[in-house]
Amino acid sequence: MKLIELLVVRLLKRIDNMDVCFGNKEYQQIDDIVVCQDVSIQTTRTVNYMKDTLKLGCTPTNVNLWNGIAAISLSKNTSSGFRDIVLVERNLRSLRSQANWMQSGWRIRGIVIKEDLYPLSSSGLEFYIPANRVECSDEGTYRCIVVGSSIANSDLVKEKIDTVQLTVKPTTINQIQIHPQQPIYARYTVVLLRCTGTVGRDPAGEIRWCYRRDDMFNFIGWPNPDDYDKGMLISNDCQNSQTSTLRYNVSADYQYTEFRCETGGTTMVCGHSSAITSNITIYR
């Protein structure tokens, strides 16, 4: 069969399966039932660190086509492969659903919504981590697996994968420190300005130095990078902190220069509306 003919056959098969799954056709064979059975993984794909709740879940779909659910598991990818967080299975003595949390830290932090295999109409695993309990390590790839059988008595293992990404925004900029500190400076005095902040993880969060003189309306970036030490990013869990120092030779041409230390926003351009700032003015 030619390649183009093979692709057409596959496309028609997909359309046929979609018609079956969405009720546009009657089930013709066991394969139709198996194709239509699936699972759904629920994740909060983008989480604002310390602000958003992290929701996670694993649920069979088209439950009318499942004969029964034997187990539901949620795992997270690590350096050594996927590692189970929780496994829900049937207790053979009580015949009730039993959740086994493989990592106790998740159970302590999590608030369970449901962890049930029966009845099928409400089967699934759902829980959430409150914003103040979300950890940096929660970012990553998750896998949902449902093990069971179809109404045609076919054994099935269905899985889905999704990812969670943390957005860590800056939280603080401390007041600019200046040395030597005095109300008015003589021209050509060398002044050191130091700024410290908690700057998140986004590159736009790194500290930037901005200024404007008495003949300027808007702040712009300091033009000479040789005048400042950008400072190292020091990681503390998800957050980075940074201390940057600017060396300024007091201008003989302007009455004052206002400096601004910034972090945040969406770019490294000075003056972003959502930036966190600290200002100081040097007069001569």
Protein backbone atom coordinates (compact mmCIF):
# COMPACT_ATOMS: atom_id res chain seq x y z
CA MET A 1 0.00 0.00 0.00
CA LYS A 2 1.32 3.41 -0.91
CA LEU A 3 2.20 5.83 1.89
CA ILE A 4 -0.59 8.29 1.00
CA GLU A 5 -3.16 5.46 0.98
CA LEU A 6 -1.91 4.22 4.36
CA LEU A 7 -2.27 7.70 5.87
CA VAL A 8 -5.81 8.01 4.53
CA VAL A 9 -6.77 4.63 6.03
CA ARG A 10 -5.36 5.66 9.41
CA LEU A 11 -7.18 9.00 9.28
CA LEU A 12 -10.48 7.32 8.43
CA LYS A 13 -9.95 4.87 11.29
CA ARG A 14 -9.38 7.77 13.70
CA ILE A 15 -12.54 9.51 12.50
CA ASP A 16 -14.45 6.26 12.83
CA ASN A 17 -13.19 5.81 16.40
CA MET A 18 -14.15 9.39 17.26
CA ASP A 19 -17.66 8.81 15.92
CA VAL A 20 -17.97 5.72 18.11
CA CYS A 21 -16.59 7.40 21.24
CA PHE A 22 -18.81 10.46 20.88
CA GLY A 23 -21.95 8.44 20.27
CA ASN A 24 -22.30 9.05 16.52
CA LYS A 25 -22.14 5.32 15.75
CA GLU A 26 -22.90 2.08 17.50
CA TYR A 27 -20.07 -0.06 18.81
CA GLN A 28 -19.16 -2.53 16.09
CA GLN A 29 -16.49 -4.57 17.85
CA ILE A 30 -14.54 -5.01 21.06
CA ASP A 31 -11.72 -2.80 19.74
CA ASP A 32 -14.15 0.12 19.56
CA ILE A 33 -14.86 -0.18 23.28
CA VAL A 34 -11.18 -0.43 24.19
CA VAL A 35 -10.27 2.59 22.06
CA CYS A 36 -12.92 4.73 23.75
CA GLN A 37 -11.80 3.92 27.28
CA ASP A 38 -9.32 6.45 28.57
CA VAL A 39 -8.08 8.35 31.60
CA SER A 40 -7.79 12.01 32.45
CA ILE A 41 -4.94 13.55 34.44
CA GLN A 42 -5.62 16.79 36.27
CA THR A 43 -2.78 19.19 37.05
CA THR A 44 -2.41 22.87 37.74
CA ARG A 45 -0.02 23.37 34.86
CA THR A 46 1.27 26.76 35.96
CA VAL A 47 1.50 27.50 39.68
CA ASN A 48 2.41 30.91 41.08
CA TYR A 49 4.66 29.95 43.96
CA MET A 50 3.17 30.69 47.41
CA LYS A 51 0.01 32.06 45.75
CA ASP A 52 -1.70 29.23 43.84
CA THR A 53 -3.05 25.87 44.96
CA LEU A 54 -1.56 22.82 43.22
CA LYS A 55 -4.34 20.46 42.12
CA LEU A 56 -3.61 16.88 41.04
CA GLY A 57 -5.83 14.02 39.99
CA CYS A 58 -6.27 10.85 37.95
CA THR A 59 -9.71 9.79 36.70
CA PRO A 60 -11.08 7.16 34.26
CA THR A 61 -13.20 8.61 31.46
CA ASN A 62 -16.15 7.05 29.61
CA VAL A 63 -16.84 5.10 32.79
CA ASN A 64 -19.86 3.37 31.22
CA LEU A 65 -17.36 1.34 29.16
CA TRP A 66 -15.34 0.19 32.17
CA ASN A 67 -16.36 -3.07 33.82
CA GLY A 68 -14.27 -2.29 36.86
CA ILE A 69 -11.25 -0.37 38.16
CA ALA A 70 -8.55 -2.37 39.92
CA ALA A 71 -6.09 0.42 40.71
CA ILE A 72 -5.35 4.10 40.19
CA SER A 73 -1.90 5.56 40.69
CA LEU A 74 -0.21 8.93 40.42
CA SER A 75 3.55 9.21 40.13
CA LYS A 76 6.15 11.90 39.51
CA ASN A 77 9.24 11.74 37.35
CA THR A 78 12.58 11.87 39.18
CA SER A 79 16.22 11.43 38.26
CA SER A 80 15.72 7.68 38.67
CA GLY A 81 12.42 7.47 36.77
CA PHE A 82 8.77 7.75 37.79
CA ARG A 83 8.20 7.32 41.50
CA ASP A 84 4.74 6.57 42.92
CA ILE A 85 3.11 9.22 45.10
CA VAL A 86 -0.12 7.38 45.83
CA LEU A 87 -1.72 4.09 44.79
CA VAL A 88 -5.45 3.45 45.25
CA GLU A 89 -6.45 -0.23 45.09
CA ARG A 90 -9.14 -2.60 46.34
CA ASN A 91 -8.69 -4.01 49.84
CA LEU A 92 -9.32 -7.74 49.40
CA ARG A 93 -10.78 -8.14 52.89
CA SER A 94 -13.07 -5.15 53.13
CA LEU A 95 -13.59 -4.87 49.34
CA ARG A 96 -13.28 -1.12 49.79
CA SER A 97 -10.92 1.35 48.19
CA GLN A 98 -7.63 1.77 50.03
CA ALA A 99 -5.14 4.57 49.37
CA ASN A 100 -1.46 3.80 49.93
CA TRP A 101 0.65 6.97 50.04
CA MET A 102 4.17 5.94 49.06
CA GLN A 103 5.60 9.32 50.01
CA SER A 104 4.33 10.45 53.40
CA GLY A 105 5.24 14.07 52.80
CA TRP A 106 2.62 14.33 50.08
CA ARG A 107 -0.11 12.97 52.34
CA ILE A 108 0.83 15.39 55.12
CA ARG A 109 0.75 18.36 52.75
CA GLY A 110 -2.21 17.23 50.66
CA ILE A 111 -5.94 17.58 51.19
CA VAL A 112 -7.83 14.66 49.63
CA ILE A 113 -11.01 15.26 47.63
CA LYS A 114 -11.54 11.63 46.63
CA GLU A 115 -9.67 8.34 46.37
CA ASP A 116 -12.27 5.81 45.21
CA LEU A 117 -12.52 2.92 42.76
CA TYR A 118 -16.25 2.31 43.20
CA PRO A 119 -18.87 3.27 42.19
CA LEU A 120 -17.48 3.79 38.71
CA SER A 121 -19.46 6.98 38.22
CA SER A 122 -17.46 8.69 40.97
CA SER A 123 -14.19 6.76 40.76
CA GLY A 124 -10.92 8.62 40.68
CA LEU A 125 -8.12 10.19 42.66
CA GLU A 126 -8.11 13.92 43.42
CA PHE A 127 -6.24 16.01 45.97
CA TYR A 128 -4.65 19.42 46.27
CA ILE A 129 -1.72 21.10 47.98
CA PRO A 130 -2.53 24.49 49.57
CA ALA A 131 -0.46 27.40 48.29
CA ASN A 132 1.54 27.73 51.51
CA ARG A 133 2.56 24.03 51.33
CA VAL A 134 3.68 23.91 47.70
CA GLU A 135 7.37 23.06 47.40
CA CYS A 136 9.91 23.78 44.69
CA SER A 137 10.27 20.04 44.05
CA ASP A 138 6.57 19.82 43.08
CA GLU A 139 7.50 21.15 39.66
CA GLY A 140 7.91 18.43 37.05
CA THR A 141 6.18 15.66 35.08
CA TYR A 142 3.37 13.55 36.52
CA ARG A 143 1.93 10.25 35.30
CA CYS A 144 -1.58 8.94 35.87
CA ILE A 145 -2.28 5.19 35.45
CA VAL A 146 -5.64 3.41 35.68
CA VAL A 147 -5.75 -0.42 35.65
CA GLY A 148 -9.04 -2.20 35.05
CA SER A 149 -11.18 -3.99 32.53
CA SER A 150 -13.71 -3.06 29.87
CA ILE A 151 -17.32 -4.18 29.56
CA ALA A 152 -15.93 -6.58 26.95
CA ASN A 153 -13.76 -8.12 29.73
CA SER A 154 -10.52 -6.89 28.19
CA ASP A 155 -7.78 -6.10 30.69
CA LEU A 156 -6.63 -2.52 30.31
CA VAL A 157 -3.84 -0.24 31.48
CA LYS A 158 -4.38 3.40 30.50
CA GLU A 159 -2.02 6.26 31.28
CA LYS A 160 -1.62 10.00 30.75
CA ILE A 161 1.26 12.39 31.42
CA ASP A 162 1.23 16.11 32.18
CA THR A 163 3.60 18.70 33.64
CA VAL A 164 3.53 21.32 36.39
CA GLN A 165 5.63 24.48 36.14
CA LEU A 166 6.25 26.89 39.01
CA THR A 167 6.34 30.63 38.40
CA VAL A 168 8.43 32.21 41.15
CA LYS A 169 8.10 35.99 41.21
CA PRO A 170 10.24 38.49 43.13
CA THR A 171 8.95 39.38 46.57
CA THR A 172 11.20 42.05 48.07
CA ILE A 173 13.66 44.82 47.29
CA ASN A 174 15.42 46.33 50.29
CA GLN A 175 16.13 50.02 50.58
CA ILE A 176 19.23 51.03 48.62
CA GLN A 177 22.25 51.44 50.91
CA ILE A 178 24.71 54.23 50.11
CA HIS A 179 28.31 54.87 51.18
CA PRO A 180 29.39 57.44 52.14
CA GLN A 181 26.01 58.75 53.28
CA GLN A 182 25.58 62.51 53.28
CA PRO A 183 22.92 65.03 52.14
CA ILE A 184 25.00 66.69 49.41
CA TYR A 185 28.07 65.41 47.55
CA ALA A 186 30.97 67.23 46.01
CA ARG A 187 31.40 66.72 42.29
CA TYR A 188 33.42 63.65 41.27
CA THR A 189 32.85 61.97 44.65
CA VAL A 190 32.79 58.19 44.26
CA VAL A 191 29.64 56.78 45.82
CA LEU A 192 28.78 53.09 46.28
CA LEU A 193 25.13 52.05 46.09
CA ARG A 194 24.10 48.57 47.21
CA CYS A 195 20.78 46.84 46.57
CA THR A 196 19.55 43.47 47.88
CA GLY A 197 16.40 41.68 46.88
CA THR A 198 14.53 38.37 46.70
CA VAL A 199 14.26 38.12 42.94
CA GLY A 200 12.41 34.89 42.06
CA ARG A 201 13.67 32.62 39.28
CA ASP A 202 12.71 34.45 36.08
CA PRO A 203 15.66 36.24 34.37
CA ALA A 204 13.60 39.45 34.45
CA GLY A 205 13.72 39.16 38.21
CA GLU A 206 17.44 39.82 38.39
CA ILE A 207 18.38 43.18 39.83
CA ARG A 208 18.82 46.00 37.32
CA TRP A 209 20.06 49.55 37.90
CA CYS A 210 18.07 52.43 36.44
CA TYR A 211 18.54 56.19 36.69
CA ARG A 212 17.27 59.60 35.63
CA ARG A 213 18.86 63.02 35.94
CA ASP A 214 17.27 66.42 36.42
CA ASP A 215 16.73 66.81 32.67
CA MET A 216 15.05 63.39 32.22
CA PHE A 217 11.45 62.23 32.72
CA ASN A 218 11.74 58.42 32.49
CA PHE A 219 14.17 56.00 34.07
CA ILE A 220 16.59 54.20 31.77
CA GLY A 221 19.15 51.46 32.36
CA TRP A 222 22.57 52.43 33.63
CA PRO A 223 24.70 52.56 30.47
CA ASN A 224 28.06 51.26 31.68
CA PRO A 225 28.09 47.69 33.04
CA ASP A 226 31.67 48.17 34.22
CA ASP A 227 30.33 50.47 36.93
CA TYR A 228 28.40 47.77 38.75
CA ASP A 229 28.85 44.31 40.18
CA LYS A 230 25.76 42.35 39.18
CA GLY A 231 26.11 39.98 42.12
CA MET A 232 25.61 36.23 42.38
CA LEU A 233 22.19 34.60 42.48
CA ILE A 234 21.90 32.68 45.75
CA SER A 235 19.25 29.96 45.71
CA ASN A 236 17.00 29.38 48.72
CA ASP A 237 14.48 26.68 47.79
CA CYS A 238 12.56 28.16 44.84
CA GLN A 239 13.59 31.75 45.43
CA ASN A 240 16.83 33.45 44.41
CA SER A 241 18.33 36.36 46.30
CA GLN A 242 20.85 38.82 44.88
CA THR A 243 22.97 41.76 46.02
CA SER A 244 24.21 44.21 43.39
CA THR A 245 26.58 47.17 43.85
CA LEU A 246 26.82 50.27 41.64
CA ARG A 247 29.82 52.62 41.63
CA TYR A 248 28.80 56.21 40.79
CA ASN A 249 31.11 59.15 40.18
CA VAL A 250 29.02 62.23 41.09
CA SER A 251 28.38 64.24 37.94
CA ALA A 252 29.53 67.84 37.69
CA ASP A 253 26.85 68.62 35.08
CA TYR A 254 23.62 67.78 36.91
CA GLN A 255 22.11 68.97 40.17
CA TYR A 256 20.84 65.53 41.08
CA THR A 257 20.65 61.94 39.84
CA GLU A 258 17.92 59.59 41.02
CA PHE A 259 18.74 55.87 41.11
CA ARG A 260 16.29 53.00 41.10
CA CYS A 261 17.01 49.38 41.89
CA GLU A 262 14.41 47.15 40.18
CA THR A 263 13.38 43.53 40.00
CA GLY A 264 10.46 41.79 38.31
CA GLY A 265 8.22 42.61 35.39
CA THR A 266 8.39 40.75 32.11
CA THR A 267 11.57 42.27 30.65
CA MET A 268 14.87 43.71 31.83
CA VAL A 269 13.83 47.15 30.53
CA CYS A 270 13.55 49.78 33.27
CA GLY A 271 10.19 51.09 34.38
CA HIS A 272 7.95 48.01 34.07
CA SER A 273 4.64 48.64 35.81
CA SER A 274 4.80 45.46 37.94
CA ALA A 275 8.45 45.84 39.01
CA ILE A 276 9.43 46.05 42.68
CA THR A 277 11.68 49.04 43.24
CA SER A 278 13.79 51.02 45.67
CA ASN A 279 14.84 54.63 44.92
CA ILE A 280 17.45 57.04 46.20
CA THR A 281 18.52 60.50 44.98
CA ILE A 282 22.04 61.88 45.06
CA TYR A 283 22.39 65.68 45.11
CA ARG A 284 25.56 67.63 44.42
